[in-house]
Protein backbone atom coordinates (compact mmCIF):
# COMPACT_ATOMS: atom_id res chain seq x y z
CA MET A 1 100.33 77.16 79.76
CA LYS A 2 96.92 78.80 79.48
CA ILE A 3 96.27 78.21 83.11
CA ARG A 4 99.46 80.06 84.06
CA ILE A 5 98.47 83.07 81.92
CA ILE A 6 94.96 83.13 83.34
CA THR A 7 96.31 82.86 86.90
CA PHE A 8 98.76 85.69 86.26
CA LEU A 9 96.06 87.96 84.78
CA LEU A 10 93.68 87.29 87.66
CA SER A 11 96.44 87.97 90.20
CA ALA A 12 97.42 91.19 88.50
CA THR A 13 93.77 92.30 88.45
CA ALA A 14 93.30 91.46 92.08
CA LEU A 15 96.38 93.38 93.16
CA SER A 16 95.54 96.42 91.12
CA ALA A 17 92.08 96.49 92.66
CA CYS A 18 93.74 96.98 96.10
CA THR A 19 95.12 100.40 95.02
CA THR A 20 93.23 103.67 94.94
CA ALA A 21 94.27 107.18 93.94
CA GLN A 22 92.62 110.47 94.92
CA GLU A 23 93.41 113.68 93.04
CA ILE A 24 94.03 116.65 95.29
CA ASN A 25 93.99 120.18 93.71
CA ARG A 26 96.03 122.57 95.87
CA PRO A 27 95.21 126.27 96.01
CA ASP A 28 98.51 127.05 94.28
CA GLY A 29 97.39 125.13 91.20
CA VAL A 30 99.59 122.09 91.78
CA THR A 31 97.87 118.67 91.62
CA GLU A 32 98.85 116.01 94.12
CA TYR A 33 97.72 112.39 94.29
CA LEU A 34 97.09 110.28 97.40
CA VAL A 35 97.82 106.72 96.47
CA ALA A 36 96.50 104.12 98.95
CA CYS A 37 97.37 100.42 98.90
CA GLY A 38 96.28 97.54 101.08
CA ALA A 39 98.61 96.66 103.98
CA SER A 40 99.29 93.21 102.53
CA THR A 41 100.19 94.76 99.14
CA GLY A 42 103.85 95.44 98.48
CA TRP A 43 105.10 98.97 98.06
CA ASN A 44 105.93 98.15 94.41
CA ILE A 45 102.20 98.09 93.63
CA CYS A 46 101.89 101.60 95.07
CA TYR A 47 104.93 102.71 93.07
CA ASN A 48 103.49 101.20 89.86
CA ARG A 49 100.28 103.13 90.42
CA ALA A 50 102.25 106.31 90.92
CA ASN A 51 104.09 105.68 87.66
CA GLU A 52 100.73 105.26 85.88
CA LEU A 53 99.54 108.65 87.31
CA CYS A 54 102.79 110.42 86.46
CA PRO A 55 104.43 108.76 83.44
CA GLY A 56 107.07 111.53 83.27
CA GLY A 57 108.17 110.84 86.88
CA TYR A 58 106.88 111.87 90.28
CA GLU A 59 108.07 113.34 93.51
CA THR A 60 107.17 111.50 96.75
CA LEU A 61 105.91 113.97 99.30
CA THR A 62 105.01 111.52 102.06
CA GLU A 63 104.91 107.74 102.64
CA GLU A 64 102.98 106.36 105.59
CA TRP A 65 101.91 102.87 106.57
CA GLY A 66 99.65 101.45 109.27
CA PHE A 67 97.83 98.35 110.28
CA ASN A 68 95.44 98.23 107.35
CA ARG A 69 96.93 100.26 104.51
CA LYS A 70 99.86 102.16 102.99
CA GLU A 71 99.61 105.68 101.67
CA MET A 72 101.86 107.83 99.60
CA ARG A 73 101.34 111.42 98.55
CA ILE A 74 102.92 112.38 95.21
CA GLU A 75 103.03 115.15 92.67
CA CYS A 76 103.97 115.11 89.03
CA PRO A 77 106.51 117.90 88.51
CA ASN A 78 106.68 117.41 84.76
CA ASP A 79 102.93 117.78 84.16
């Protein structure tokens, strides 16, 4: 049982390490985030990161994917 828990925690840590977020401050005062995930990472990991950044909900402005990564640009309308 301990091995399963340790394996799960290591997997979760490894997957979260594949996600980055960059804060973008627009001239109109609105803050956007660029969330980037590895290409082999599922979109759900990107969505989880977006939920961490915007716990009150977020609006997806763009979603793009390519050979080596996925990106989504979001804003937190409730913040």
